[in-house]
Amino acid sequence: MTQLTTKIKLYANKEVDFRNEVRLQDDGNGAYIKEWNLDIPKPTIAQLDAFEAQANIVESNQAQVQKRIKEYGSIAEQIEYITENGIEAWQTKVNSIKAKYPKENN
Protein backbone atom coordinates (compact mmCIF):
# COMPACT_ATOMS: atom_id res chain seq x y z
CA MET A 1 0.00 0.00 0.00
CA THR A 2 1.29 3.42 -0.91
CA GLN A 3 1.81 6.41 1.33
CA LEU A 4 -1.06 8.86 1.69
CA THR A 5 1.40 11.68 1.01
CA THR A 6 2.22 10.26 -2.43
CA LYS A 7 -1.45 10.00 -3.39
CA ILE A 8 -2.10 13.57 -2.21
CA LYS A 9 0.80 14.88 -4.31
CA LEU A 10 -0.57 13.07 -7.35
CA TYR A 11 -4.10 14.36 -6.69
CA ALA A 12 -2.82 17.94 -6.26
CA ASN A 13 -0.47 17.52 -9.24
CA LYS A 14 2.31 19.32 -7.35
CA GLU A 15 4.69 19.09 -4.42
CA VAL A 16 2.71 19.65 -1.23
CA ASP A 17 3.88 21.35 1.96
CA PHE A 18 2.73 18.90 4.64
CA ARG A 19 3.36 21.43 7.40
CA ASN A 20 1.16 24.21 6.07
CA GLU A 21 -0.90 23.17 3.04
CA VAL A 22 -2.04 19.72 4.16
CA ARG A 23 -1.69 18.32 7.67
CA LEU A 24 -2.00 14.61 8.28
CA GLN A 25 -2.72 12.79 11.50
CA ASP A 26 -2.65 9.17 12.59
CA ASP A 27 -4.56 8.21 15.74
CA GLY A 28 -3.51 4.57 15.45
CA ASN A 29 -5.97 3.59 12.72
CA GLY A 30 -4.00 4.93 9.77
CA ALA A 31 -3.17 8.38 8.50
CA TYR A 32 -5.90 10.77 7.42
CA ILE A 33 -6.19 14.38 6.32
CA LYS A 34 -6.68 16.55 9.39
CA GLU A 35 -6.33 19.94 7.69
CA TRP A 36 -6.65 20.91 4.00
CA ASN A 37 -5.40 24.34 2.91
CA LEU A 38 -5.00 23.89 -0.83
CA ASP A 39 -7.01 25.84 -3.40
CA ILE A 40 -8.54 22.65 -4.75
CA PRO A 41 -11.32 20.59 -3.14
CA LYS A 42 -10.29 18.14 -0.44
CA PRO A 43 -10.27 14.66 -2.01
CA THR A 44 -12.40 11.77 -0.92
CA ILE A 45 -10.82 8.46 0.02
CA ALA A 46 -12.09 7.03 -3.27
CA GLN A 47 -10.44 9.85 -5.22
CA LEU A 48 -7.13 9.21 -3.48
CA ASP A 49 -7.45 5.44 -3.88
CA ALA A 50 -7.76 5.99 -7.64
CA PHE A 51 -4.08 7.02 -7.55
CA GLU A 52 -2.92 3.75 -5.93
CA ALA A 53 -1.35 2.21 -9.05
CA GLN A 54 0.37 5.42 -10.09
CA ALA A 55 1.58 6.00 -6.51
CA ASN A 56 3.07 2.48 -6.45
CA ILE A 57 5.14 3.34 -9.53
CA VAL A 58 6.25 6.69 -8.07
CA GLU A 59 7.34 5.08 -4.80
CA SER A 60 9.07 2.19 -6.58
CA ASN A 61 10.96 4.67 -8.75
CA GLN A 62 11.97 6.70 -5.70
CA ALA A 63 13.42 3.54 -4.14
CA GLN A 64 15.35 2.78 -7.34
CA VAL A 65 16.76 6.33 -7.43
CA GLN A 66 17.93 5.99 -3.81
CA LYS A 67 19.77 2.77 -4.72
CA ARG A 68 21.38 4.53 -7.69
CA ILE A 69 22.48 7.49 -5.57
CA LYS A 70 24.11 5.16 -3.05
CA GLU A 71 26.01 3.35 -5.78
CA TYR A 72 27.05 6.53 -7.64
CA GLY A 73 28.90 7.71 -4.56
CA SER A 74 29.42 11.28 -3.47
CA ILE A 75 30.04 14.11 -5.92
CA ALA A 76 33.69 14.12 -4.81
CA GLU A 77 33.96 10.37 -5.51
CA GLN A 78 32.38 10.83 -8.94
CA ILE A 79 34.77 13.67 -9.83
CA GLU A 80 37.72 11.57 -8.70
CA TYR A 81 36.45 8.67 -10.85
CA ILE A 82 36.15 10.99 -13.85
CA THR A 83 39.65 12.44 -13.40
CA GLU A 84 41.16 8.97 -13.04
CA ASN A 85 39.12 7.15 -15.72
CA GLY A 86 37.63 9.78 -18.03
CA ILE A 87 34.11 10.99 -18.67
CA GLU A 88 33.25 8.12 -21.03
CA ALA A 89 34.12 5.53 -18.37
CA TRP A 90 32.00 7.45 -15.85
CA GLN A 91 29.07 7.56 -18.29
CA THR A 92 29.40 3.81 -18.81
CA LYS A 93 29.41 3.28 -15.05
CA VAL A 94 26.33 5.49 -14.58
CA ASN A 95 24.47 3.69 -17.38
CA SER A 96 25.26 0.30 -15.85
CA ILE A 97 23.94 1.48 -12.48
CA LYS A 98 20.77 2.77 -14.15
CA ALA A 99 20.34 -0.58 -15.91
CA LYS A 100 20.84 -2.38 -12.58
CA TYR A 101 18.13 -0.25 -10.94
CA PRO A 102 15.59 0.54 -13.70
CA LYS A 103 12.64 2.84 -13.20
CA GLU A 104 9.11 2.12 -14.39
CA ASN A 105 7.30 4.55 -16.66
CA ASN A 106 4.21 6.20 -15.16
C-alpha atoms as a PDB file:
ATOM      1  CA  MET A   1       0.000   0.000   0.000  1.00  0.00           C
ATOM      2  CA  THR A   2       1.293   3.421  -0.910  1.00  0.00           C
ATOM      3  CA  GLN A   3       1.813   6.410   1.326  1.00  0.00           C
ATOM      4  CA  LEU A   4      -1.056   8.858   1.695  1.00  0.00           C
ATOM      5  CA  THR A   5       1.402  11.682   1.008  1.00  0.00           C
ATOM      6  CA  THR A   6       2.221  10.260  -2.430  1.00  0.00           C
ATOM      7  CA  LYS A   7      -1.448  10.005  -3.393  1.00  0.00           C
ATOM      8  CA  ILE A   8      -2.097  13.570  -2.208  1.00  0.00           C
ATOM      9  CA  LYS A   9       0.801  14.883  -4.311  1.00  0.00           C
ATOM     10  CA  LEU A  10      -0.571  13.069  -7.347  1.00  0.00           C
ATOM     11  CA  TYR A  11      -4.102  14.365  -6.688  1.00  0.00           C
ATOM     12  CA  ALA A  12      -2.823  17.935  -6.264  1.00  0.00           C
ATOM     13  CA  ASN A  13      -0.472  17.517  -9.238  1.00  0.00           C
ATOM     14  CA  LYS A  14       2.308  19.324  -7.346  1.00  0.00           C
ATOM     15  CA  GLU A  15       4.689  19.090  -4.424  1.00  0.00           C
ATOM     16  CA  VAL A  16       2.712  19.647  -1.233  1.00  0.00           C
ATOM     17  CA  ASP A  17       3.884  21.350   1.958  1.00  0.00           C
ATOM     18  CA  PHE A  18       2.731  18.902   4.641  1.00  0.00           C
ATOM     19  CA  ARG A  19       3.355  21.428   7.397  1.00  0.00           C
ATOM     20  CA  ASN A  20       1.156  24.214   6.068  1.00  0.00           C
ATOM     21  CA  GLU A  21      -0.903  23.167   3.040  1.00  0.00           C
ATOM     22  CA  VAL A  22      -2.035  19.722   4.163  1.00  0.00           C
ATOM     23  CA  ARG A  23      -1.694  18.315   7.666  1.00  0.00           C
ATOM     24  CA  LEU A  24      -1.996  14.610   8.285  1.00  0.00           C
ATOM     25  CA  GLN A  25      -2.724  12.790  11.501  1.00  0.00           C
ATOM     26  CA  ASP A  26      -2.652   9.172  12.594  1.00  0.00           C
ATOM     27  CA  ASP A  27      -4.559   8.208  15.744  1.00  0.00           C
ATOM     28  CA  GLY A  28      -3.513   4.567  15.447  1.00  0.00           C
ATOM     29  CA  ASN A  29      -5.970   3.589  12.725  1.00  0.00           C
ATOM     30  CA  GLY A  30      -4.004   4.930   9.772  1.00  0.00           C
ATOM     31  CA  ALA A  31      -3.172   8.381   8.496  1.00  0.00           C
ATOM     32  CA  TYR A  32      -5.895  10.771   7.421  1.00  0.00           C
ATOM     33  CA  ILE A  33      -6.186  14.379   6.315  1.00  0.00           C
ATOM     34  CA  LYS A  34      -6.676  16.551   9.386  1.00  0.00           C
ATOM     35  CA  GLU A  35      -6.330  19.943   7.692  1.00  0.00           C
ATOM     36  CA  TRP A  36      -6.646  20.909   4.001  1.00  0.00           C
ATOM     37  CA  ASN A  37      -5.396  24.337   2.909  1.00  0.00           C
ATOM     38  CA  LEU A  38      -4.996  23.886  -0.833  1.00  0.00           C
ATOM     39  CA  ASP A  39      -7.010  25.844  -3.399  1.00  0.00           C
ATOM     40  CA  ILE A  40      -8.545  22.648  -4.754  1.00  0.00           C
ATOM     41  CA  PRO A  41     -11.316  20.588  -3.141  1.00  0.00           C
ATOM     42  CA  LYS A  42     -10.293  18.141  -0.439  1.00  0.00           C
ATOM     43  CA  PRO A  43     -10.273  14.663  -2.007  1.00  0.00           C
ATOM     44  CA  THR A  44     -12.404  11.767  -0.915  1.00  0.00           C
ATOM     45  CA  ILE A  45     -10.820   8.459   0.024  1.00  0.00           C
ATOM     46  CA  ALA A  46     -12.095   7.031  -3.273  1.00  0.00           C
ATOM     47  CA  GLN A  47     -10.439   9.846  -5.221  1.00  0.00           C
ATOM     48  CA  LEU A  48      -7.133   9.212  -3.476  1.00  0.00           C
ATOM     49  CA  ASP A  49      -7.450   5.436  -3.883  1.00  0.00           C
ATOM     50  CA  ALA A  50      -7.756   5.994  -7.643  1.00  0.00           C
ATOM     51  CA  PHE A  51      -4.084   7.023  -7.549  1.00  0.00           C
ATOM     52  CA  GLU A  52      -2.919   3.752  -5.930  1.00  0.00           C
ATOM     53  CA  ALA A  53      -1.353   2.207  -9.053  1.00  0.00           C
ATOM     54  CA  GLN A  54       0.370   5.423 -10.086  1.00  0.00           C
ATOM     55  CA  ALA A  55       1.576   5.999  -6.514  1.00  0.00           C
ATOM     56  CA  ASN A  56       3.071   2.482  -6.446  1.00  0.00           C
ATOM     57  CA  ILE A  57       5.135   3.342  -9.526  1.00  0.00           C
ATOM     58  CA  VAL A  58       6.245   6.688  -8.070  1.00  0.00           C
ATOM     59  CA  GLU A  59       7.340   5.077  -4.802  1.00  0.00           C
ATOM     60  CA  SER A  60       9.069   2.192  -6.576  1.00  0.00           C
ATOM     61  CA  ASN A  61      10.962   4.669  -8.754  1.00  0.00           C
ATOM     62  CA  GLN A  62      11.966   6.700  -5.699  1.00  0.00           C
ATOM     63  CA  ALA A  63      13.420   3.541  -4.143  1.00  0.00           C
ATOM     64  CA  GLN A  64      15.354   2.783  -7.338  1.00  0.00           C
ATOM     65  CA  VAL A  65      16.758   6.327  -7.431  1.00  0.00           C
ATOM     66  CA  GLN A  66      17.934   5.992  -3.814  1.00  0.00           C
ATOM     67  CA  LYS A  67      19.770   2.772  -4.717  1.00  0.00           C
ATOM     68  CA  ARG A  68      21.379   4.527  -7.688  1.00  0.00           C
ATOM     69  CA  ILE A  69      22.484   7.487  -5.567  1.00  0.00           C
ATOM     70  CA  LYS A  70      24.108   5.161  -3.046  1.00  0.00           C
ATOM     71  CA  GLU A  71      26.012   3.354  -5.782  1.00  0.00           C
ATOM     72  CA  TYR A  72      27.049   6.532  -7.641  1.00  0.00           C
ATOM     73  CA  GLY A  73      28.904   7.706  -4.565  1.00  0.00           C
ATOM     74  CA  SER A  74      29.419  11.280  -3.474  1.00  0.00           C
ATOM     75  CA  ILE A  75      30.037  14.114  -5.917  1.00  0.00           C
ATOM     76  CA  ALA A  76      33.690  14.118  -4.812  1.00  0.00           C
ATOM     77  CA  GLU A  77      33.960  10.371  -5.514  1.00  0.00           C
ATOM     78  CA  GLN A  78      32.384  10.830  -8.937  1.00  0.00           C
ATOM     79  CA  ILE A  79      34.771  13.670  -9.831  1.00  0.00           C
ATOM     80  CA  GLU A  80      37.716  11.570  -8.702  1.00  0.00           C
ATOM     81  CA  TYR A  81      36.455   8.670 -10.848  1.00  0.00           C
ATOM     82  CA  ILE A  82      36.149  10.986 -13.854  1.00  0.00           C
ATOM     83  CA  THR A  83      39.646  12.436 -13.400  1.00  0.00           C
ATOM     84  CA  GLU A  84      41.156   8.970 -13.044  1.00  0.00           C
ATOM     85  CA  ASN A  85      39.124   7.149 -15.724  1.00  0.00           C
ATOM     86  CA  GLY A  86      37.631   9.775 -18.032  1.00  0.00           C
ATOM     87  CA  ILE A  87      34.108  10.993 -18.674  1.00  0.00           C
ATOM     88  CA  GLU A  88      33.253   8.119 -21.029  1.00  0.00           C
ATOM     89  CA  ALA A  89      34.117   5.534 -18.366  1.00  0.00           C
ATOM     90  CA  TRP A  90      32.000   7.449 -15.853  1.00  0.00           C
ATOM     91  CA  GLN A  91      29.068   7.555 -18.295  1.00  0.00           C
ATOM     92  CA  THR A  92      29.399   3.815 -18.815  1.00  0.00           C
ATOM     93  CA  LYS A  93      29.406   3.280 -15.048  1.00  0.00           C
ATOM     94  CA  VAL A  94      26.331   5.487 -14.584  1.00  0.00           C
ATOM     95  CA  ASN A  95      24.469   3.694 -17.380  1.00  0.00           C
ATOM     96  CA  SER A  96      25.263   0.297 -15.851  1.00  0.00           C
ATOM     97  CA  ILE A  97      23.937   1.476 -12.478  1.00  0.00           C
ATOM     98  CA  LYS A  98      20.766   2.772 -14.154  1.00  0.00           C
ATOM     99  CA  ALA A  99      20.344  -0.577 -15.905  1.00  0.00           C
ATOM    100  CA  LYS A 100      20.840  -2.377 -12.584  1.00  0.00           C
ATOM    101  CA  TYR A 101      18.128  -0.249 -10.938  1.00  0.00           C
ATOM    102  CA  PRO A 102      15.592   0.541 -13.698  1.00  0.00           C
ATOM    103  CA  LYS A 103      12.640   2.839 -13.197  1.00  0.00           C
ATOM    104  CA  GLU A 104       9.106   2.117 -14.395  1.00  0.00           C
ATOM    105  CA  ASN A 105       7.299   4.552 -16.656  1.00  0.00           C
ATOM    106  CA  ASN A 106       4.206   6.198 -15.162  1.00  0.00           C
END
